[in-house]
N, C-alpha and C. Protein backbone atom coordinates (compact mmCIF):
# COMPACT_ATOMS: atom_id res chain seq x y z
N MET A 1 79.08 -66.71 -6.48
CA MET A 1 78.21 -66.55 -5.32
C MET A 1 76.86 -67.20 -5.61
N THR A 2 76.26 -67.80 -4.60
CA THR A 2 74.94 -68.40 -4.78
C THR A 2 73.88 -67.31 -4.86
N ALA A 3 72.74 -67.65 -5.42
CA ALA A 3 71.64 -66.70 -5.51
C ALA A 3 71.15 -66.38 -4.10
N PHE A 4 70.60 -65.18 -3.94
CA PHE A 4 70.15 -64.70 -2.63
C PHE A 4 69.29 -65.71 -1.89
N GLY A 5 68.27 -66.25 -2.52
CA GLY A 5 67.35 -67.17 -1.86
C GLY A 5 67.93 -68.55 -1.61
N ASP A 6 69.03 -68.89 -2.30
CA ASP A 6 69.65 -70.21 -2.16
C ASP A 6 70.76 -70.24 -1.12
N ASP A 7 71.15 -69.09 -0.60
CA ASP A 7 72.24 -69.03 0.36
C ASP A 7 71.87 -69.81 1.62
N PRO A 8 72.75 -70.70 2.10
CA PRO A 8 72.44 -71.49 3.29
C PRO A 8 72.17 -70.63 4.53
N PHE A 9 72.89 -69.51 4.66
CA PHE A 9 72.65 -68.62 5.79
C PHE A 9 71.25 -68.02 5.72
N ALA A 10 70.86 -67.57 4.53
CA ALA A 10 69.51 -67.00 4.35
C ALA A 10 68.45 -68.05 4.64
N THR A 11 68.70 -69.28 4.19
CA THR A 11 67.76 -70.37 4.47
C THR A 11 67.65 -70.64 5.96
N ALA A 12 68.78 -70.55 6.66
CA ALA A 12 68.80 -70.82 8.11
C ALA A 12 68.05 -69.75 8.91
N VAL A 13 68.15 -68.49 8.51
CA VAL A 13 67.50 -67.42 9.29
C VAL A 13 66.07 -67.13 8.84
N LYS A 14 65.65 -67.69 7.72
CA LYS A 14 64.30 -67.41 7.20
C LYS A 14 63.20 -67.71 8.22
N PRO A 15 63.22 -68.85 8.94
CA PRO A 15 62.15 -69.09 9.91
C PRO A 15 62.08 -68.01 11.00
N LEU A 16 63.22 -67.50 11.42
CA LEU A 16 63.24 -66.44 12.43
C LEU A 16 62.66 -65.15 11.87
N VAL A 17 63.08 -64.79 10.67
CA VAL A 17 62.57 -63.58 10.03
C VAL A 17 61.06 -63.69 9.83
N ASP A 18 60.60 -64.85 9.37
CA ASP A 18 59.16 -65.06 9.18
C ASP A 18 58.41 -64.97 10.51
N ALA A 19 58.97 -65.55 11.57
CA ALA A 19 58.30 -65.56 12.87
C ALA A 19 58.12 -64.16 13.44
N MET A 20 59.05 -63.27 13.13
CA MET A 20 58.92 -61.91 13.66
C MET A 20 58.21 -60.97 12.68
N GLY A 21 57.81 -61.51 11.53
CA GLY A 21 57.07 -60.69 10.58
C GLY A 21 57.95 -59.80 9.73
N GLY A 22 59.23 -60.13 9.66
CA GLY A 22 60.15 -59.34 8.86
C GLY A 22 60.13 -59.76 7.40
N GLU A 23 60.93 -59.07 6.61
CA GLU A 23 61.03 -59.35 5.19
C GLU A 23 62.51 -59.44 4.82
N MET A 24 62.88 -60.47 4.10
CA MET A 24 64.27 -60.63 3.67
C MET A 24 64.45 -59.99 2.30
N LEU A 25 65.56 -59.25 2.17
CA LEU A 25 65.88 -58.55 0.92
C LEU A 25 67.34 -58.80 0.56
N PRO A 26 67.68 -58.65 -0.70
CA PRO A 26 69.10 -58.66 -1.05
C PRO A 26 69.79 -57.48 -0.35
N PRO A 27 71.02 -57.63 0.07
CA PRO A 27 71.68 -56.56 0.82
C PRO A 27 71.77 -55.24 0.06
N GLY A 28 71.82 -55.29 -1.25
CA GLY A 28 71.88 -54.06 -2.03
C GLY A 28 70.60 -53.25 -2.00
N GLU A 29 69.51 -53.86 -1.58
CA GLU A 29 68.22 -53.16 -1.51
C GLU A 29 67.91 -52.66 -0.10
N ALA A 30 68.86 -52.80 0.82
CA ALA A 30 68.64 -52.40 2.21
C ALA A 30 68.46 -50.90 2.32
N GLY A 31 67.49 -50.52 3.12
CA GLY A 31 67.28 -49.12 3.44
C GLY A 31 68.00 -48.76 4.72
N PRO A 32 67.92 -47.50 5.12
CA PRO A 32 68.66 -47.07 6.32
C PRO A 32 68.18 -47.73 7.62
N ASP A 33 66.94 -48.19 7.67
CA ASP A 33 66.42 -48.82 8.88
C ASP A 33 66.47 -50.34 8.83
N ASP A 34 66.96 -50.91 7.74
CA ASP A 34 67.05 -52.36 7.61
C ASP A 34 68.32 -52.86 8.28
N VAL A 35 68.31 -54.13 8.65
CA VAL A 35 69.47 -54.76 9.29
C VAL A 35 70.13 -55.65 8.25
N VAL A 36 71.40 -55.36 7.96
CA VAL A 36 72.15 -56.17 7.00
C VAL A 36 72.92 -57.23 7.78
N LEU A 37 72.73 -58.50 7.39
CA LEU A 37 73.40 -59.61 8.04
C LEU A 37 74.54 -60.10 7.16
N ALA A 38 75.70 -60.27 7.77
CA ALA A 38 76.88 -60.74 7.05
C ALA A 38 77.30 -62.09 7.59
N TRP A 39 77.93 -62.87 6.74
CA TRP A 39 78.45 -64.18 7.12
C TRP A 39 79.83 -64.32 6.47
N GLU A 40 80.80 -64.61 7.29
CA GLU A 40 82.18 -64.77 6.83
C GLU A 40 82.64 -63.57 6.01
N GLY A 41 82.32 -62.38 6.52
CA GLY A 41 82.79 -61.14 5.90
C GLY A 41 82.03 -60.68 4.68
N GLU A 42 80.96 -61.37 4.32
CA GLU A 42 80.20 -61.00 3.12
C GLU A 42 78.75 -60.71 3.50
N ASP A 43 78.20 -59.58 3.03
CA ASP A 43 76.79 -59.28 3.27
C ASP A 43 75.94 -60.30 2.53
N VAL A 44 75.07 -60.96 3.28
CA VAL A 44 74.27 -62.04 2.70
C VAL A 44 72.84 -61.60 2.44
N LEU A 45 72.26 -60.91 3.41
CA LEU A 45 70.88 -60.47 3.24
C LEU A 45 70.59 -59.31 4.15
N ALA A 46 69.51 -58.63 3.85
CA ALA A 46 69.02 -57.54 4.69
C ALA A 46 67.66 -57.97 5.22
N VAL A 47 67.36 -57.53 6.43
CA VAL A 47 66.07 -57.84 7.04
C VAL A 47 65.36 -56.52 7.30
N ARG A 48 64.17 -56.42 6.75
CA ARG A 48 63.31 -55.26 7.01
C ARG A 48 62.37 -55.65 8.15
N LEU A 49 62.54 -55.00 9.27
CA LEU A 49 61.73 -55.30 10.44
C LEU A 49 60.34 -54.71 10.29
N PRO A 50 59.34 -55.37 10.84
CA PRO A 50 57.97 -54.87 10.74
C PRO A 50 57.75 -53.66 11.65
N GLN A 51 56.76 -52.89 11.32
CA GLN A 51 56.33 -51.82 12.21
C GLN A 51 55.76 -52.45 13.47
N LEU A 52 55.90 -51.81 14.60
CA LEU A 52 55.47 -52.39 15.86
C LEU A 52 54.00 -52.77 15.85
N ALA A 53 53.14 -51.92 15.32
CA ALA A 53 51.71 -52.22 15.28
C ALA A 53 51.43 -53.44 14.41
N ASP A 54 52.17 -53.60 13.32
CA ASP A 54 52.00 -54.76 12.45
C ASP A 54 52.46 -56.04 13.13
N SER A 55 53.43 -55.91 14.04
CA SER A 55 53.95 -57.08 14.74
C SER A 55 52.86 -57.76 15.56
N LEU A 56 52.01 -56.99 16.22
CA LEU A 56 50.95 -57.57 17.02
C LEU A 56 49.99 -58.37 16.14
N ASP A 57 49.62 -57.82 15.01
CA ASP A 57 48.75 -58.56 14.09
C ASP A 57 49.42 -59.85 13.62
N HIS A 58 50.72 -59.77 13.35
CA HIS A 58 51.47 -60.94 12.91
C HIS A 58 51.51 -62.00 14.01
N ILE A 59 51.73 -61.59 15.23
CA ILE A 59 51.77 -62.52 16.37
C ILE A 59 50.41 -63.18 16.54
N LEU A 60 49.34 -62.42 16.44
CA LEU A 60 47.99 -62.98 16.59
C LEU A 60 47.72 -64.01 15.50
N LEU A 61 48.11 -63.71 14.26
CA LEU A 61 47.91 -64.67 13.17
C LEU A 61 48.73 -65.94 13.39
N ALA A 62 49.95 -65.78 13.88
CA ALA A 62 50.79 -66.95 14.15
C ALA A 62 50.18 -67.82 15.26
N LEU A 63 49.63 -67.18 16.30
CA LEU A 63 48.98 -67.94 17.36
C LEU A 63 47.74 -68.67 16.84
N GLU A 64 47.03 -68.02 15.94
CA GLU A 64 45.86 -68.64 15.33
C GLU A 64 46.26 -69.87 14.50
N ARG A 65 47.31 -69.72 13.71
CA ARG A 65 47.79 -70.86 12.91
C ARG A 65 48.24 -72.00 13.82
N LYS A 66 48.95 -71.65 14.88
CA LYS A 66 49.45 -72.67 15.80
C LYS A 66 48.31 -73.43 16.48
N ARG A 67 47.24 -72.72 16.80
CA ARG A 67 46.09 -73.34 17.47
C ARG A 67 45.14 -74.03 16.49
N GLY A 68 45.25 -73.69 15.22
CA GLY A 68 44.45 -74.35 14.20
C GLY A 68 43.02 -73.85 14.06
N LYS A 69 42.71 -72.75 14.70
CA LYS A 69 41.38 -72.16 14.55
C LYS A 69 41.42 -70.71 15.03
N PRO A 70 40.39 -69.94 14.69
CA PRO A 70 40.35 -68.55 15.14
C PRO A 70 40.44 -68.46 16.66
N LEU A 71 41.15 -67.46 17.14
CA LEU A 71 41.33 -67.30 18.58
C LEU A 71 40.01 -67.10 19.31
N ALA A 72 39.04 -66.51 18.63
CA ALA A 72 37.73 -66.28 19.24
C ALA A 72 37.00 -67.59 19.54
N GLU A 73 37.41 -68.68 18.89
CA GLU A 73 36.75 -69.98 19.10
C GLU A 73 37.40 -70.81 20.22
N LEU A 74 38.46 -70.28 20.81
CA LEU A 74 39.13 -71.00 21.90
C LEU A 74 38.29 -70.97 23.16
N ASP A 75 38.51 -71.94 24.05
CA ASP A 75 37.83 -71.89 25.35
C ASP A 75 38.53 -70.88 26.26
N ARG A 76 37.92 -70.62 27.40
CA ARG A 76 38.42 -69.58 28.30
C ARG A 76 39.86 -69.84 28.73
N LYS A 77 40.17 -71.07 29.08
CA LYS A 77 41.52 -71.40 29.54
C LYS A 77 42.54 -71.14 28.43
N ALA A 78 42.23 -71.51 27.21
CA ALA A 78 43.14 -71.28 26.08
C ALA A 78 43.29 -69.79 25.81
N LYS A 79 42.22 -69.03 25.95
CA LYS A 79 42.30 -67.58 25.76
C LYS A 79 43.19 -66.95 26.83
N GLN A 80 43.09 -67.44 28.06
CA GLN A 80 43.96 -66.94 29.12
C GLN A 80 45.42 -67.23 28.81
N GLU A 81 45.69 -68.40 28.26
CA GLU A 81 47.05 -68.77 27.87
C GLU A 81 47.56 -67.85 26.76
N VAL A 82 46.71 -67.53 25.80
CA VAL A 82 47.09 -66.62 24.72
C VAL A 82 47.43 -65.25 25.29
N VAL A 83 46.63 -64.76 26.23
CA VAL A 83 46.90 -63.46 26.86
C VAL A 83 48.24 -63.51 27.60
N ARG A 84 48.54 -64.62 28.27
CA ARG A 84 49.81 -64.76 28.98
C ARG A 84 50.98 -64.69 27.99
N ILE A 85 50.85 -65.40 26.88
CA ILE A 85 51.89 -65.39 25.85
C ILE A 85 52.07 -63.98 25.30
N LEU A 86 50.96 -63.32 25.01
CA LEU A 86 51.02 -61.98 24.44
C LEU A 86 51.63 -60.98 25.43
N GLU A 87 51.31 -61.12 26.70
CA GLU A 87 51.90 -60.22 27.69
C GLU A 87 53.42 -60.43 27.75
N ALA A 88 53.85 -61.68 27.71
CA ALA A 88 55.29 -61.98 27.74
C ALA A 88 56.00 -61.40 26.52
N ARG A 89 55.29 -61.30 25.41
CA ARG A 89 55.88 -60.77 24.18
C ARG A 89 55.71 -59.26 24.03
N GLY A 90 55.13 -58.61 25.04
CA GLY A 90 55.01 -57.16 25.03
C GLY A 90 53.84 -56.61 24.24
N ALA A 91 52.85 -57.43 23.97
CA ALA A 91 51.73 -57.01 23.13
C ALA A 91 50.92 -55.86 23.73
N PHE A 92 50.94 -55.76 25.04
CA PHE A 92 50.09 -54.75 25.67
C PHE A 92 50.82 -53.41 25.86
N SER A 93 52.05 -53.33 25.38
CA SER A 93 52.76 -52.06 25.39
C SER A 93 52.49 -51.28 24.10
N VAL A 94 51.87 -51.95 23.14
CA VAL A 94 51.50 -51.32 21.86
C VAL A 94 50.20 -50.54 22.07
N ARG A 95 50.14 -49.36 21.48
CA ARG A 95 48.91 -48.57 21.59
C ARG A 95 47.74 -49.38 21.04
N HIS A 96 46.66 -49.43 21.78
CA HIS A 96 45.45 -50.18 21.44
C HIS A 96 45.67 -51.68 21.47
N GLY A 97 46.72 -52.13 22.15
CA GLY A 97 47.02 -53.55 22.23
C GLY A 97 45.91 -54.34 22.88
N VAL A 98 45.37 -53.83 23.98
CA VAL A 98 44.29 -54.54 24.67
C VAL A 98 43.07 -54.65 23.76
N GLU A 99 42.73 -53.56 23.09
CA GLU A 99 41.58 -53.57 22.20
C GLU A 99 41.78 -54.55 21.04
N THR A 100 42.98 -54.57 20.48
CA THR A 100 43.28 -55.46 19.36
C THR A 100 43.17 -56.92 19.79
N VAL A 101 43.75 -57.22 20.95
CA VAL A 101 43.70 -58.59 21.46
C VAL A 101 42.27 -58.98 21.81
N ALA A 102 41.54 -58.09 22.45
CA ALA A 102 40.14 -58.38 22.81
C ALA A 102 39.33 -58.70 21.55
N GLY A 103 39.53 -57.93 20.50
CA GLY A 103 38.82 -58.18 19.26
C GLY A 103 39.18 -59.54 18.66
N ALA A 104 40.46 -59.90 18.69
CA ALA A 104 40.89 -61.19 18.14
C ALA A 104 40.35 -62.36 18.96
N LEU A 105 40.24 -62.16 20.28
CA LEU A 105 39.74 -63.23 21.15
C LEU A 105 38.22 -63.26 21.23
N GLY A 106 37.57 -62.22 20.73
CA GLY A 106 36.11 -62.17 20.81
C GLY A 106 35.61 -61.93 22.22
N VAL A 107 36.38 -61.15 22.99
CA VAL A 107 36.00 -60.83 24.37
C VAL A 107 36.08 -59.32 24.55
N SER A 108 35.66 -58.86 25.70
CA SER A 108 35.73 -57.42 25.97
C SER A 108 37.11 -57.04 26.49
N ARG A 109 37.41 -55.75 26.46
CA ARG A 109 38.66 -55.27 27.05
C ARG A 109 38.70 -55.62 28.53
N PHE A 110 37.57 -55.51 29.19
CA PHE A 110 37.47 -55.82 30.62
C PHE A 110 37.92 -57.27 30.87
N THR A 111 37.51 -58.17 30.00
CA THR A 111 37.90 -59.58 30.14
C THR A 111 39.41 -59.74 29.98
N VAL A 112 39.98 -59.06 29.01
CA VAL A 112 41.44 -59.13 28.83
C VAL A 112 42.14 -58.62 30.08
N TYR A 113 41.66 -57.49 30.63
CA TYR A 113 42.26 -56.97 31.86
C TYR A 113 42.10 -57.96 33.01
N ASN A 114 40.97 -58.64 33.08
CA ASN A 114 40.78 -59.67 34.12
C ASN A 114 41.80 -60.80 33.95
N TYR A 115 42.02 -61.24 32.72
CA TYR A 115 43.01 -62.29 32.46
C TYR A 115 44.40 -61.83 32.88
N LEU A 116 44.73 -60.57 32.56
CA LEU A 116 46.04 -60.02 32.94
C LEU A 116 46.17 -59.94 34.46
N ASN A 117 45.12 -59.47 35.12
CA ASN A 117 45.15 -59.36 36.58
C ASN A 117 45.28 -60.73 37.23
N ARG A 118 44.59 -61.71 36.68
CA ARG A 118 44.66 -63.08 37.21
C ARG A 118 46.08 -63.61 37.07
N GLU A 119 46.68 -63.36 35.93
CA GLU A 119 48.06 -63.83 35.68
C GLU A 119 49.03 -63.15 36.65
N ASN A 120 48.87 -61.84 36.83
CA ASN A 120 49.76 -61.10 37.74
C ASN A 120 49.57 -61.54 39.18
N ALA A 121 48.34 -61.83 39.57
CA ALA A 121 48.08 -62.32 40.94
C ALA A 121 48.72 -63.67 41.15
N ALA A 122 48.69 -64.52 40.13
CA ALA A 122 49.32 -65.85 40.24
C ALA A 122 50.83 -65.72 40.37
N LYS A 123 51.42 -64.74 39.70
CA LYS A 123 52.87 -64.53 39.79
C LYS A 123 53.26 -64.07 41.20
N ASP A 124 52.38 -63.27 41.83
CA ASP A 124 52.68 -62.74 43.14
C ASP A 124 52.64 -63.79 44.24
N LYS A 125 51.96 -64.89 43.98
CA LYS A 125 51.84 -65.94 45.01
C LYS A 125 53.08 -66.79 45.12
């Protein structure tokens, strides 16, 4: 058998696991809440999913990396786009989600709510 990190299946799913903020483990180290992935009848790896609150921080960091600068330095239009992306990903269903996003964007909670209302009004048209 190939080493855990060298397995082609593990290599293929690593970008997905990284994007969601998960952690890959050998299947023998899986806990009761981890997801064990099998390929061709053999357990290949386990994925430890992030806590929901940690997911929002991970998403914000990924958006920052993608944009190439801190989210607070974006212009208004780009910040509105970030809020739209975050709403689509369920960021505002997390407790203190609006406050966390407002802090990352360098705006007030009121501004985030305005961006959300603007987006919802555009959908209704």
